PDB file of N, CA and C in Angstrom:
ATOM      1  N   MET A   1       3.085  16.762   9.185  1.00  0.00           N
ATOM      2  CA  MET A   1       4.107  17.720   9.564  1.00  0.00           C
ATOM      3  C   MET A   1       3.897  18.087  11.030  1.00  0.00           C
ATOM      4  N   SER A   2       4.914  18.001  11.849  1.00  0.00           N
ATOM      5  CA  SER A   2       4.793  18.336  13.265  1.00  0.00           C
ATOM      6  C   SER A   2       4.953  19.833  13.465  1.00  0.00           C
ATOM      7  N   GLU A   3       4.492  20.339  14.640  1.00  0.00           N
ATOM      8  CA  GLU A   3       4.618  21.759  14.919  1.00  0.00           C
ATOM      9  C   GLU A   3       6.062  22.216  14.851  1.00  0.00           C
ATOM     10  N   GLY A   4       6.991  21.378  15.286  1.00  0.00           N
ATOM     11  CA  GLY A   4       8.391  21.750  15.295  1.00  0.00           C
ATOM     12  C   GLY A   4       8.973  21.903  13.902  1.00  0.00           C
ATOM     13  N   SER A   5       8.327  21.333  12.868  1.00  0.00           N
ATOM     14  CA  SER A   5       8.853  21.415  11.515  1.00  0.00           C
ATOM     15  C   SER A   5       8.088  22.408  10.642  1.00  0.00           C
ATOM     16  N   LEU A   6       7.223  23.197  11.227  1.00  0.00           N
ATOM     17  CA  LEU A   6       6.487  24.195  10.462  1.00  0.00           C
ATOM     18  C   LEU A   6       7.430  25.292   9.986  1.00  0.00           C
ATOM     19  N   PRO A   7       7.196  25.846   8.795  1.00  0.00           N
ATOM     20  CA  PRO A   7       7.983  27.004   8.366  1.00  0.00           C
ATOM     21  C   PRO A   7       7.792  28.143   9.364  1.00  0.00           C
ATOM     22  N   ALA A   8       8.781  29.017   9.454  1.00  0.00           N
ATOM     23  CA  ALA A   8       8.756  30.096  10.442  1.00  0.00           C
ATOM     24  C   ALA A   8       7.522  30.987  10.324  1.00  0.00           C
ATOM     25  N   ASP A   9       7.010  31.165   9.095  1.00  0.00           N
ATOM     26  CA  ASP A   9       5.867  32.054   8.925  1.00  0.00           C
ATOM     27  C   ASP A   9       4.519  31.338   9.031  1.00  0.00           C
ATOM     28  N   ALA A  10       4.534  30.033   9.298  1.00  0.00           N
ATOM     29  CA  ALA A  10       3.297  29.255   9.404  1.00  0.00           C
ATOM     30  C   ALA A  10       3.083  28.821  10.849  1.00  0.00           C
ATOM     31  N   LEU A  11       1.970  29.271  11.414  1.00  0.00           N
ATOM     32  CA  LEU A  11       1.599  28.883  12.768  1.00  0.00           C
ATOM     33  C   LEU A  11       0.298  28.113  12.711  1.00  0.00           C
ATOM     34  N   PRO A  12       0.100  27.196  13.637  1.00  0.00           N
ATOM     35  CA  PRO A  12      -1.216  26.569  13.721  1.00  0.00           C
ATOM     36  C   PRO A  12      -2.289  27.649  13.944  1.00  0.00           C
ATOM     37  N   GLU A  13      -3.474  27.419  13.400  1.00  0.00           N
ATOM     38  CA  GLU A  13      -4.544  28.422  13.503  1.00  0.00           C
ATOM     39  C   GLU A  13      -4.837  28.809  14.947  1.00  0.00           C
ATOM     40  N   TYR A  14      -4.886  27.823  15.833  1.00  0.00           N
ATOM     41  CA  TYR A  14      -5.171  28.138  17.236  1.00  0.00           C
ATOM     42  C   TYR A  14      -4.086  29.047  17.807  1.00  0.00           C
ATOM     43  N   ALA A  15      -2.844  28.778  17.485  1.00  0.00           N
ATOM     44  CA  ALA A  15      -1.741  29.608  17.974  1.00  0.00           C
ATOM     45  C   ALA A  15      -1.891  31.039  17.473  1.00  0.00           C
ATOM     46  N   GLU A  16      -2.260  31.201  16.222  1.00  0.00           N
ATOM     47  CA  GLU A  16      -2.457  32.542  15.681  1.00  0.00           C
ATOM     48  C   GLU A  16      -3.540  33.289  16.451  1.00  0.00           C
ATOM     49  N   ARG A  17      -4.636  32.593  16.761  1.00  0.00           N
ATOM     50  CA  ARG A  17      -5.729  33.236  17.501  1.00  0.00           C
ATOM     51  C   ARG A  17      -5.286  33.631  18.908  1.00  0.00           C
ATOM     52  N   VAL A  18      -4.540  32.761  19.575  1.00  0.00           N
ATOM     53  CA  VAL A  18      -4.042  33.079  20.921  1.00  0.00           C
ATOM     54  C   VAL A  18      -3.125  34.302  20.860  1.00  0.00           C
ATOM     55  N   LEU A  19      -2.212  34.321  19.913  1.00  0.00           N
ATOM     56  CA  LEU A  19      -1.275  35.436  19.803  1.00  0.00           C
ATOM     57  C   LEU A  19      -1.982  36.728  19.427  1.00  0.00           C
ATOM     58  N   ASP A  20      -3.029  36.633  18.611  1.00  0.00           N
ATOM     59  CA  ASP A  20      -3.817  37.823  18.278  1.00  0.00           C
ATOM     60  C   ASP A  20      -4.447  38.424  19.527  1.00  0.00           C
ATOM     61  N   VAL A  21      -4.981  37.578  20.408  1.00  0.00           N
ATOM     62  CA  VAL A  21      -5.580  38.076  21.648  1.00  0.00           C
ATOM     63  C   VAL A  21      -4.497  38.697  22.528  1.00  0.00           C
ATOM     64  N   ALA A  22      -3.350  38.052  22.644  1.00  0.00           N
ATOM     65  CA  ALA A  22      -2.260  38.595  23.465  1.00  0.00           C
ATOM     66  C   ALA A  22      -1.870  39.993  22.989  1.00  0.00           C
ATOM     67  N   GLU A  23      -1.894  40.213  21.698  1.00  0.00           N
ATOM     68  CA  GLU A  23      -1.548  41.530  21.152  1.00  0.00           C
ATOM     69  C   GLU A  23      -2.613  42.585  21.446  1.00  0.00           C
ATOM     70  N   LEU A  24      -3.845  42.161  21.700  1.00  0.00           N
ATOM     71  CA  LEU A  24      -4.930  43.102  22.006  1.00  0.00           C
ATOM     72  C   LEU A  24      -4.884  43.626  23.437  1.00  0.00           C
ATOM     73  N   ILE A  25      -4.239  42.903  24.335  1.00  0.00           N
ATOM     74  CA  ILE A  25      -4.246  43.276  25.755  1.00  0.00           C
ATOM     75  C   ILE A  25      -3.557  44.632  25.909  1.00  0.00           C
ATOM     76  N   PRO A  26      -4.272  45.608  26.459  1.00  0.00           N
ATOM     77  CA  PRO A  26      -3.692  46.945  26.591  1.00  0.00           C
ATOM     78  C   PRO A  26      -2.515  46.983  27.561  1.00  0.00           C
ATOM     79  N   SER A  27      -1.621  47.894  27.319  1.00  0.00           N
ATOM     80  CA  SER A  27      -0.499  48.144  28.218  1.00  0.00           C
ATOM     81  C   SER A  27      -1.028  48.388  29.627  1.00  0.00           C
ATOM     82  N   GLY A  28      -0.372  47.782  30.616  1.00  0.00           N
ATOM     83  CA  GLY A  28      -0.792  47.956  31.999  1.00  0.00           C
ATOM     84  C   GLY A  28      -1.858  46.986  32.454  1.00  0.00           C
ATOM     85  N   HIS A  29      -2.263  46.074  31.572  1.00  0.00           N
ATOM     86  CA  HIS A  29      -3.286  45.086  31.885  1.00  0.00           C
ATOM     87  C   HIS A  29      -2.786  43.686  31.567  1.00  0.00           C
ATOM     88  N   VAL A  30      -3.503  42.685  32.059  1.00  0.00           N
ATOM     89  CA  VAL A  30      -3.151  41.289  31.823  1.00  0.00           C
ATOM     90  C   VAL A  30      -4.411  40.473  31.599  1.00  0.00           C
ATOM     91  N   MET A  31      -4.220  39.306  30.997  1.00  0.00           N
ATOM     92  CA  MET A  31      -5.253  38.270  30.923  1.00  0.00           C
ATOM     93  C   MET A  31      -4.584  36.986  31.373  1.00  0.00           C
ATOM     94  N   THR A  32      -5.358  36.113  31.988  1.00  0.00           N
ATOM     95  CA  THR A  32      -4.814  34.817  32.375  1.00  0.00           C
ATOM     96  C   THR A  32      -4.883  33.874  31.171  1.00  0.00           C
ATOM     97  N   TYR A  33      -4.170  32.761  31.289  1.00  0.00           N
ATOM     98  CA  TYR A  33      -4.232  31.740  30.250  1.00  0.00           C
ATOM     99  C   TYR A  33      -5.686  31.293  30.062  1.00  0.00           C
ATOM    100  N   GLY A  34      -6.385  31.101  31.170  1.00  0.00           N
ATOM    101  CA  GLY A  34      -7.785  30.698  31.115  1.00  0.00           C
ATOM    102  C   GLY A  34      -8.683  31.765  30.518  1.00  0.00           C
ATOM    103  N   ASP A  35      -8.384  33.041  30.804  1.00  0.00           N
ATOM    104  CA  ASP A  35      -9.164  34.136  30.223  1.00  0.00           C
ATOM    105  C   ASP A  35      -9.093  34.094  28.699  1.00  0.00           C
ATOM    106  N   ILE A  36      -7.901  33.849  28.180  1.00  0.00           N
ATOM    107  CA  ILE A  36      -7.743  33.819  26.722  1.00  0.00           C
ATOM    108  C   ILE A  36      -8.506  32.639  26.134  1.00  0.00           C
ATOM    109  N   ALA A  37      -8.414  31.480  26.765  1.00  0.00           N
ATOM    110  CA  ALA A  37      -9.164  30.313  26.275  1.00  0.00           C
ATOM    111  C   ALA A  37     -10.663  30.606  26.286  1.00  0.00           C
ATOM    112  N   GLU A  38     -11.140  31.226  27.351  1.00  0.00           N
ATOM    113  CA  GLU A  38     -12.565  31.566  27.448  1.00  0.00           C
ATOM    114  C   GLU A  38     -12.939  32.608  26.395  1.00  0.00           C
ATOM    115  N   PHE A  39     -12.103  33.602  26.205  1.00  0.00           N
ATOM    116  CA  PHE A  39     -12.334  34.648  25.214  1.00  0.00           C
ATOM    117  C   PHE A  39     -12.470  34.031  23.820  1.00  0.00           C
ATOM    118  N   LEU A  40     -11.609  33.049  23.518  1.00  0.00           N
ATOM    119  CA  LEU A  40     -11.646  32.383  22.216  1.00  0.00           C
ATOM    120  C   LEU A  40     -12.763  31.349  22.112  1.00  0.00           C
ATOM    121  N   GLY A  41     -13.223  30.862  23.257  1.00  0.00           N
ATOM    122  CA  GLY A  41     -14.251  29.841  23.263  1.00  0.00           C
ATOM    123  C   GLY A  41     -13.732  28.475  22.870  1.00  0.00           C
ATOM    124  N   GLU A  42     -12.436  28.267  23.049  1.00  0.00           N
ATOM    125  CA  GLU A  42     -11.851  26.962  22.736  1.00  0.00           C
ATOM    126  C   GLU A  42     -10.546  26.785  23.492  1.00  0.00           C
ATOM    127  N   GLY A  43     -10.153  25.530  23.654  1.00  0.00           N
ATOM    128  CA  GLY A  43      -8.920  25.220  24.372  1.00  0.00           C
ATOM    129  C   GLY A  43      -9.094  25.459  25.855  1.00  0.00           C
ATOM    130  N   GLY A  44      -7.996  25.493  26.541  1.00  0.00           N
ATOM    131  CA  GLY A  44      -7.995  25.737  27.968  1.00  0.00           C
ATOM    132  C   GLY A  44      -6.688  26.396  28.365  1.00  0.00           C
ATOM    133  N   PRO A  45      -6.506  26.636  29.657  1.00  0.00           N
ATOM    134  CA  PRO A  45      -5.290  27.315  30.113  1.00  0.00           C
ATOM    135  C   PRO A  45      -4.002  26.617  29.679  1.00  0.00           C
ATOM    136  N   ARG A  46      -3.983  25.305  29.724  1.00  0.00           N
ATOM    137  CA  ARG A  46      -2.757  24.581  29.333  1.00  0.00           C
ATOM    138  C   ARG A  46      -2.446  24.752  27.856  1.00  0.00           C
ATOM    139  N   GLN A  47      -3.467  24.749  27.022  1.00  0.00           N
ATOM    140  CA  GLN A  47      -3.245  24.930  25.589  1.00  0.00           C
ATOM    141  C   GLN A  47      -2.719  26.334  25.304  1.00  0.00           C
ATOM    142  N   VAL A  48      -3.303  27.331  25.971  1.00  0.00           N
ATOM    143  CA  VAL A  48      -2.837  28.705  25.795  1.00  0.00           C
ATOM    144  C   VAL A  48      -1.395  28.833  26.299  1.00  0.00           C
ATOM    145  N   GLY A  49      -1.106  28.235  27.443  1.00  0.00           N
ATOM    146  CA  GLY A  49       0.252  28.266  27.975  1.00  0.00           C
ATOM    147  C   GLY A  49       1.249  27.635  27.025  1.00  0.00           C
ATOM    148  N   ARG A  50       0.853  26.544  26.403  1.00  0.00           N
ATOM    149  CA  ARG A  50       1.734  25.868  25.442  1.00  0.00           C
ATOM    150  C   ARG A  50       2.009  26.768  24.241  1.00  0.00           C
ATOM    151  N   VAL A  51       0.975  27.419  23.730  1.00  0.00           N
ATOM    152  CA  VAL A  51       1.156  28.347  22.608  1.00  0.00           C
ATOM    153  C   VAL A  51       2.101  29.469  23.012  1.00  0.00           C
ATOM    154  N   MET A  52       1.897  30.032  24.191  1.00  0.00           N
ATOM    155  CA  MET A  52       2.752  31.129  24.630  1.00  0.00           C
ATOM    156  C   MET A  52       4.198  30.665  24.805  1.00  0.00           C
ATOM    157  N   ALA A  53       4.394  29.462  25.315  1.00  0.00           N
ATOM    158  CA  ALA A  53       5.747  28.941  25.499  1.00  0.00           C
ATOM    159  C   ALA A  53       6.448  28.718  24.157  1.00  0.00           C
ATOM    160  N   LEU A  54       5.714  28.251  23.165  1.00  0.00           N
ATOM    161  CA  LEU A  54       6.318  27.952  21.869  1.00  0.00           C
ATOM    162  C   LEU A  54       6.445  29.162  20.952  1.00  0.00           C
ATOM    163  N   TYR A  55       5.447  30.051  20.980  1.00  0.00           N
ATOM    164  CA  TYR A  55       5.376  31.109  19.976  1.00  0.00           C
ATOM    165  C   TYR A  55       5.243  32.525  20.541  1.00  0.00           C
ATOM    166  N   GLY A  56       5.172  32.683  21.841  1.00  0.00           N
ATOM    167  CA  GLY A  56       4.829  33.965  22.445  1.00  0.00           C
ATOM    168  C   GLY A  56       5.902  35.026  22.471  1.00  0.00           C
ATOM    169  N   GLY A  57       7.103  34.724  22.032  1.00  0.00           N
ATOM    170  CA  GLY A  57       8.193  35.688  22.108  1.00  0.00           C
ATOM    171  C   GLY A  57       7.997  36.951  21.292  1.00  0.00           C
ATOM    172  N   ALA A  58       7.168  36.902  20.268  1.00  0.00           N
ATOM    173  CA  ALA A  58       6.972  38.051  19.389  1.00  0.00           C
ATOM    174  C   ALA A  58       5.809  38.944  19.811  1.00  0.00           C
ATOM    175  N   VAL A  59       5.115  38.583  20.878  1.00  0.00           N
ATOM    176  CA  VAL A  59       3.987  39.367  21.382  1.00  0.00           C
ATOM    177  C   VAL A  59       4.292  39.766  22.831  1.00  0.00           C
ATOM    178  N   PRO A  60       3.499  40.651  23.414  1.00  0.00           N
ATOM    179  CA  PRO A  60       3.738  41.029  24.815  1.00  0.00           C
ATOM    180  C   PRO A  60       3.376  39.889  25.772  1.00  0.00           C
ATOM    181  N   TRP A  61       4.238  38.895  25.841  1.00  0.00           N
ATOM    182  CA  TRP A  61       4.020  37.674  26.616  1.00  0.00           C
ATOM    183  C   TRP A  61       3.789  37.943  28.084  1.00  0.00           C
ATOM    184  N   TRP A  62       4.371  38.998  28.623  1.00  0.00           N
ATOM    185  CA  TRP A  62       4.238  39.308  30.039  1.00  0.00           C
ATOM    186  C   TRP A  62       2.817  39.707  30.412  1.00  0.00           C
ATOM    187  N   ARG A  63       1.973  39.978  29.432  1.00  0.00           N
ATOM    188  CA  ARG A  63       0.576  40.336  29.702  1.00  0.00           C
ATOM    189  C   ARG A  63      -0.325  39.110  29.779  1.00  0.00           C
ATOM    190  N   VAL A  64       0.220  37.916  29.549  1.00  0.00           N
ATOM    191  CA  VAL A  64      -0.526  36.662  29.670  1.00  0.00           C
ATOM    192  C   VAL A  64       0.057  35.940  30.877  1.00  0.00           C
ATOM    193  N   VAL A  65      -0.769  35.780  31.922  1.00  0.00           N
ATOM    194  CA  VAL A  65      -0.244  35.396  33.229  1.00  0.00           C
ATOM    195  C   VAL A  65      -1.015  34.255  33.884  1.00  0.00           C
ATOM    196  N   ARG A  66      -0.453  33.779  34.961  1.00  0.00           N
ATOM    197  CA  ARG A  66      -1.124  32.786  35.801  1.00  0.00           C
ATOM    198  C   ARG A  66      -2.273  33.461  36.556  1.00  0.00           C
ATOM    199  N   ALA A  67      -3.279  32.689  36.876  1.00  0.00           N
ATOM    200  CA  ALA A  67      -4.470  33.236  37.533  1.00  0.00           C
ATOM    201  C   ALA A  67      -4.173  33.829  38.907  1.00  0.00           C
ATOM    202  N   ASP A  68      -3.120  33.339  39.581  1.00  0.00           N
ATOM    203  CA  ASP A  68      -2.819  33.867  40.916  1.00  0.00           C
ATOM    204  C   ASP A  68      -1.923  35.108  40.888  1.00  0.00           C
ATOM    205  N   GLY A  69      -1.515  35.542  39.698  1.00  0.00           N
ATOM    206  CA  GLY A  69      -0.721  36.761  39.570  1.00  0.00           C
ATOM    207  C   GLY A  69       0.769  36.582  39.810  1.00  0.00           C
ATOM    208  N   THR A  70       1.229  35.335  40.040  1.00  0.00           N
ATOM    209  CA  THR A  70       2.667  35.145  40.220  1.00  0.00           C
ATOM    210  C   THR A  70       3.361  35.305  38.874  1.00  0.00           C
ATOM    211  N   LEU A  71       4.576  35.797  38.935  1.00  0.00           N
ATOM    212  CA  LEU A  71       5.336  36.043  37.722  1.00  0.00           C
ATOM    213  C   LEU A  71       5.908  34.736  37.180  1.00  0.00           C
ATOM    214  N   LEU A  72       6.095  34.692  35.874  1.00  0.00           N
ATOM    215  CA  LEU A  72       6.584  33.500  35.194  1.00  0.00           C
ATOM    216  C   LEU A  72       7.964  33.118  35.723  1.00  0.00           C
ATOM    217  N   PRO A  73       8.098  31.926  36.289  1.00  0.00           N
ATOM    218  CA  PRO A  73       9.388  31.504  36.832  1.00  0.00           C
ATOM    219  C   PRO A  73      10.503  31.571  35.787  1.00  0.00           C
ATOM    220  N   GLY A  74      11.605  32.152  36.190  1.00  0.00           N
ATOM    221  CA  GLY A  74      12.740  32.312  35.306  1.00  0.00           C
ATOM    222  C   GLY A  74      12.712  33.592  34.501  1.00  0.00           C
ATOM    223  N   HIS A  75      11.568  34.274  34.498  1.00  0.00           N
ATOM    224  CA  HIS A  75      11.422  35.507  33.727  1.00  0.00           C
ATOM    225  C   HIS A  75      10.914  36.652  34.608  1.00  0.00           C
ATOM    226  N   GLU A  76      10.999  36.463  35.907  1.00  0.00           N
ATOM    227  CA  GLU A  76      10.422  37.440  36.839  1.00  0.00           C
ATOM    228  C   GLU A  76      10.968  38.851  36.638  1.00  0.00           C
ATOM    229  N   GLN A  77      12.285  38.988  36.565  1.00  0.00           N
ATOM    230  CA  GLN A  77      12.871  40.324  36.488  1.00  0.00           C
ATOM    231  C   GLN A  77      12.540  41.011  35.164  1.00  0.00           C
ATOM    232  N   GLU A  78      12.590  40.263  34.067  1.00  0.00           N
ATOM    233  CA  GLU A  78      12.244  40.847  32.767  1.00  0.00           C
ATOM    234  C   GLU A  78      10.776  41.283  32.752  1.00  0.00           C
ATOM    235  N   ALA A  79       9.895  40.406  33.239  1.00  0.00           N
ATOM    236  CA  ALA A  79       8.472  40.743  33.285  1.00  0.00           C
ATOM    237  C   ALA A  79       8.238  41.939  34.207  1.00  0.00           C
ATOM    238  N   LEU A  80       8.888  41.951  35.341  1.00  0.00           N
ATOM    239  CA  LEU A  80       8.720  43.045  36.302  1.00  0.00           C
ATOM    240  C   LEU A  80       9.099  44.385  35.683  1.00  0.00           C
ATOM    241  N   GLY A  81      10.153  44.392  34.879  1.00  0.00           N
ATOM    242  CA  GLY A  81      10.535  45.626  34.183  1.00  0.00           C
ATOM    243  C   GLY A  81       9.424  46.109  33.266  1.00  0.00           C
ATOM    244  N   HIS A  82       8.799  45.191  32.539  1.00  0.00           N
ATOM    245  CA  HIS A  82       7.683  45.565  31.665  1.00  0.00           C
ATOM    246  C   HIS A  82       6.514  46.087  32.492  1.00  0.00           C
ATOM    247  N   TYR A  83       6.170  45.385  33.587  1.00  0.00           N
ATOM    248  CA  TYR A  83       5.034  45.807  34.411  1.00  0.00           C
ATOM    249  C   TYR A  83       5.254  47.201  34.976  1.00  0.00           C
ATOM    250  N   ARG A  84       6.446  47.446  35.438  1.00  0.00           N
ATOM    251  CA  ARG A  84       6.730  48.770  36.018  1.00  0.00           C
ATOM    252  C   ARG A  84       6.699  49.854  34.956  1.00  0.00           C
ATOM    253  N   SER A  85       7.243  49.604  33.781  1.00  0.00           N
ATOM    254  CA  SER A  85       7.241  50.633  32.736  1.00  0.00           C
ATOM    255  C   SER A  85       5.831  50.883  32.195  1.00  0.00           C
ATOM    256  N   GLU A  86       4.960  49.870  32.239  1.00  0.00           N
ATOM    257  CA  GLU A  86       3.590  50.016  31.745  1.00  0.00           C
ATOM    258  C   GLU A  86       2.612  50.469  32.827  1.00  0.00           C
ATOM    259  N   GLY A  87       3.059  50.484  34.072  1.00  0.00           N
ATOM    260  CA  GLY A  87       2.166  50.869  35.158  1.00  0.00           C
ATOM    261  C   GLY A  87       1.164  49.794  35.535  1.00  0.00           C
ATOM    262  N   THR A  88       1.511  48.539  35.312  1.00  0.00           N
ATOM    263  CA  THR A  88       0.635  47.431  35.682  1.00  0.00           C
ATOM    264  C   THR A  88       0.506  47.378  37.199  1.00  0.00           C
ATOM    265  N   PRO A  89      -0.701  47.341  37.740  1.00  0.00           N
ATOM    266  CA  PRO A  89      -0.869  47.277  39.195  1.00  0.00           C
ATOM    267  C   PRO A  89      -0.215  46.014  39.785  1.00  0.00           C
ATOM    268  N   LEU A  90       0.606  46.208  40.792  1.00  0.00           N
ATOM    269  CA  LEU A  90       1.301  45.118  41.470  1.00  0.00           C
ATOM    270  C   LEU A  90       0.978  45.156  42.948  1.00  0.00           C
ATOM    271  N   ARG A  91       1.199  44.018  43.612  1.00  0.00           N
ATOM    272  CA  ARG A  91       1.083  43.972  45.071  1.00  0.00           C
ATOM    273  C   ARG A  91       2.257  43.155  45.590  1.00  0.00           C
ATOM    274  N   GLU A  92       2.632  43.413  46.807  1.00  0.00           N
ATOM    275  CA  GLU A  92       3.773  42.708  47.406  1.00  0.00           C
ATOM    276  C   GLU A  92       3.442  41.249  47.650  1.00  0.00           C
ATOM    277  N   ALA A  93       4.433  40.409  47.469  1.00  0.00           N
ATOM    278  CA  ALA A  93       4.277  38.979  47.726  1.00  0.00           C
ATOM    279  C   ALA A  93       5.272  38.587  48.802  1.00  0.00           C
ATOM    280  N   GLY A  94       5.245  37.353  49.160  1.00  0.00           N
ATOM    281  CA  GLY A  94       6.153  36.850  50.172  1.00  0.00           C
ATOM    282  C   GLY A  94       7.598  36.845  49.709  1.00  0.00           C
ATOM    283  N   ARG A  95       8.479  36.616  50.637  1.00  0.00           N
ATOM    284  CA  ARG A  95       9.913  36.589  50.351  1.00  0.00           C
ATOM    285  C   ARG A  95      10.277  35.292  49.631  1.00  0.00           C
ATOM    286  N   THR A  96      11.118  35.424  48.615  1.00  0.00           N
ATOM    287  CA  THR A  96      11.614  34.265  47.889  1.00  0.00           C
ATOM    288  C   THR A  96      13.129  34.255  47.995  1.00  0.00           C
ATOM    289  N   THR A  97      13.754  33.279  47.393  1.00  0.00           N
ATOM    290  CA  THR A  97      15.216  33.232  47.406  1.00  0.00           C
ATOM    291  C   THR A  97      15.807  34.411  46.647  1.00  0.00           C
ATOM    292  N   GLU A  98      15.044  35.004  45.742  1.00  0.00           N
ATOM    293  CA  GLU A  98      15.514  36.179  44.999  1.00  0.00           C
ATOM    294  C   GLU A  98      15.151  37.485  45.705  1.00  0.00           C
ATOM    295  N   GLY A  99      14.520  37.421  46.841  1.00  0.00           N
ATOM    296  CA  GLY A  99      14.068  38.623  47.541  1.00  0.00           C
ATOM    297  C   GLY A  99      12.560  38.740  47.433  1.00  0.00           C
ATOM    298  N   HIS A 100      12.076  39.966  47.522  1.00  0.00           N
ATOM    299  CA  HIS A 100      10.637  40.209  47.410  1.00  0.00           C
ATOM    300  C   HIS A 100      10.269  40.365  45.942  1.00  0.00           C
ATOM    301  N   ILE A 101       9.531  39.421  45.432  1.00  0.00           N
ATOM    302  CA  ILE A 101       9.034  39.496  44.056  1.00  0.00           C
ATOM    303  C   ILE A 101       7.541  39.797  44.143  1.00  0.00           C
ATOM    304  N   PRO A 102       7.126  40.963  43.639  1.00  0.00           N
ATOM    305  CA  PRO A 102       5.694  41.273  43.692  1.00  0.00           C
ATOM    306  C   PRO A 102       4.875  40.341  42.806  1.00  0.00           C
ATOM    307  N   ARG A 103       3.582  40.381  43.023  1.00  0.00           N
ATOM    308  CA  ARG A 103       2.620  39.686  42.163  1.00  0.00           C
ATOM    309  C   ARG A 103       1.811  40.752  41.459  1.00  0.00           C
ATOM    310  N   ILE A 104       1.158  40.339  40.416  1.00  0.00           N
ATOM    311  CA  ILE A 104       0.247  41.239  39.727  1.00  0.00           C
ATOM    312  C   ILE A 104      -1.006  41.369  40.577  1.00  0.00           C
ATOM    313  N   ASP A 105      -1.506  42.574  40.708  1.00  0.00           N
ATOM    314  CA  ASP A 105      -2.764  42.817  41.416  1.00  0.00           C
ATOM    315  C   ASP A 105      -3.891  42.491  40.438  1.00  0.00           C
ATOM    316  N   MET A 106      -4.327  41.242  40.468  1.00  0.00           N
ATOM    317  CA  MET A 106      -5.283  40.755  39.480  1.00  0.00           C
ATOM    318  C   MET A 106      -6.607  41.515  39.516  1.00  0.00           C
ATOM    319  N   LYS A 107      -7.006  41.965  40.673  1.00  0.00           N
ATOM    320  CA  LYS A 107      -8.275  42.695  40.786  1.00  0.00           C
ATOM    321  C   LYS A 107      -8.247  43.972  39.948  1.00  0.00           C
ATOM    322  N   HIS A 108      -7.096  44.614  39.879  1.00  0.00           N
ATOM    323  CA  HIS A 108      -6.996  45.887  39.171  1.00  0.00           C
ATOM    324  C   HIS A 108      -6.343  45.790  37.792  1.00  0.00           C
ATOM    325  N   ALA A 109      -5.576  44.747  37.541  1.00  0.00           N
ATOM    326  CA  ALA A 109      -4.844  44.643  36.269  1.00  0.00           C
ATOM    327  C   ALA A 109      -5.557  43.795  35.220  1.00  0.00           C
ATOM    328  N   ARG A 110      -6.490  42.960  35.642  1.00  0.00           N
ATOM    329  CA  ARG A 110      -7.112  42.008  34.714  1.00  0.00           C
ATOM    330  C   ARG A 110      -7.977  42.722  33.691  1.00  0.00           C
ATOM    331  N   TRP A 111      -7.784  42.363  32.425  1.00  0.00           N
ATOM    332  CA  TRP A 111      -8.535  42.943  31.314  1.00  0.00           C
ATOM    333  C   TRP A 111      -9.600  41.959  30.886  1.00  0.00           C
ATOM    334  N   ASP A 112     -10.810  42.445  30.651  1.00  0.00           N
ATOM    335  CA  ASP A 112     -11.927  41.558  30.323  1.00  0.00           C
ATOM    336  C   ASP A 112     -12.129  41.370  28.821  1.00  0.00           C
ATOM    337  N   GLY A 113     -11.281  41.974  28.015  1.00  0.00           N
ATOM    338  CA  GLY A 113     -11.393  41.807  26.569  1.00  0.00           C
ATOM    339  C   GLY A 113     -12.244  42.855  25.892  1.00  0.00           C
ATOM    340  N   SER A 114     -12.818  43.761  26.654  1.00  0.00           N
ATOM    341  CA  SER A 114     -13.625  44.810  26.029  1.00  0.00           C
ATOM    342  C   SER A 114     -12.728  45.935  25.534  1.00  0.00           C
ATOM    343  N   ILE A 115     -13.143  46.528  24.442  1.00  0.00           N
ATOM    344  CA  ILE A 115     -12.371  47.641  23.881  1.00  0.00           C
ATOM    345  C   ILE A 115     -13.134  48.921  24.194  1.00  0.00           C
ATOM    346  N   PRO A 116     -12.488  49.840  24.937  1.00  0.00           N
ATOM    347  CA  PRO A 116     -13.165  51.092  25.284  1.00  0.00           C
ATOM    348  C   PRO A 116     -13.542  51.882  24.036  1.00  0.00           C
ATOM    349  N   ASP A 117     -14.541  52.732  24.163  1.00  0.00           N
ATOM    350  CA  ASP A 117     -15.017  53.523  23.041  1.00  0.00           C
ATOM    351  C   ASP A 117     -13.943  54.427  22.454  1.00  0.00           C
ATOM    352  N   ASP A 118     -12.999  54.882  23.282  1.00  0.00           N
ATOM    353  CA  ASP A 118     -11.967  55.817  22.816  1.00  0.00           C
ATOM    354  C   ASP A 118     -10.737  55.119  22.246  1.00  0.00           C
ATOM    355  N   ARG A 119     -10.778  53.788  22.137  1.00  0.00           N
ATOM    356  CA  ARG A 119      -9.643  53.020  21.611  1.00  0.00           C
ATOM    357  C   ARG A 119     -10.021  52.437  20.261  1.00  0.00           C
ATOM    358  N   PRO A 120      -9.146  52.595  19.265  1.00  0.00           N
ATOM    359  CA  PRO A 120      -9.479  52.032  17.948  1.00  0.00           C
ATOM    360  C   PRO A 120      -9.651  50.537  18.008  1.00  0.00           C
ATOM    361  N   ALA A 121     -10.585  50.014  17.252  1.00  0.00           N
ATOM    362  CA  ALA A 121     -10.841  48.571  17.215  1.00  0.00           C
ATOM    363  C   ALA A 121      -9.824  47.855  16.351  1.00  0.00           C
TER     364      ALA A 121
END
């Protein structure tokens, strides 16, 4: 059975693990594709990106980002709305054909996967 023919409620195990991590990322923070692969101890950035592209619509996909902090092409404005409402640290980027599209301030927005003592596990 190919991934495209799986029942809607059945996801590959790796995809479930990636999506579980994406759901853990606190509001206002991000993890890179590589961060998630490292956190899981399996796969790599491309595998995580593939999972997010195929199945990420039901989780806070905007919190899983490229390592350089650029916004997902084609989804910049939607993601930017989420970042602004969540208070995700941003920094100005160069001019594009769409105008000035900020980048995520990776130094301040990146989440290391630790759960603070005051947050339920």
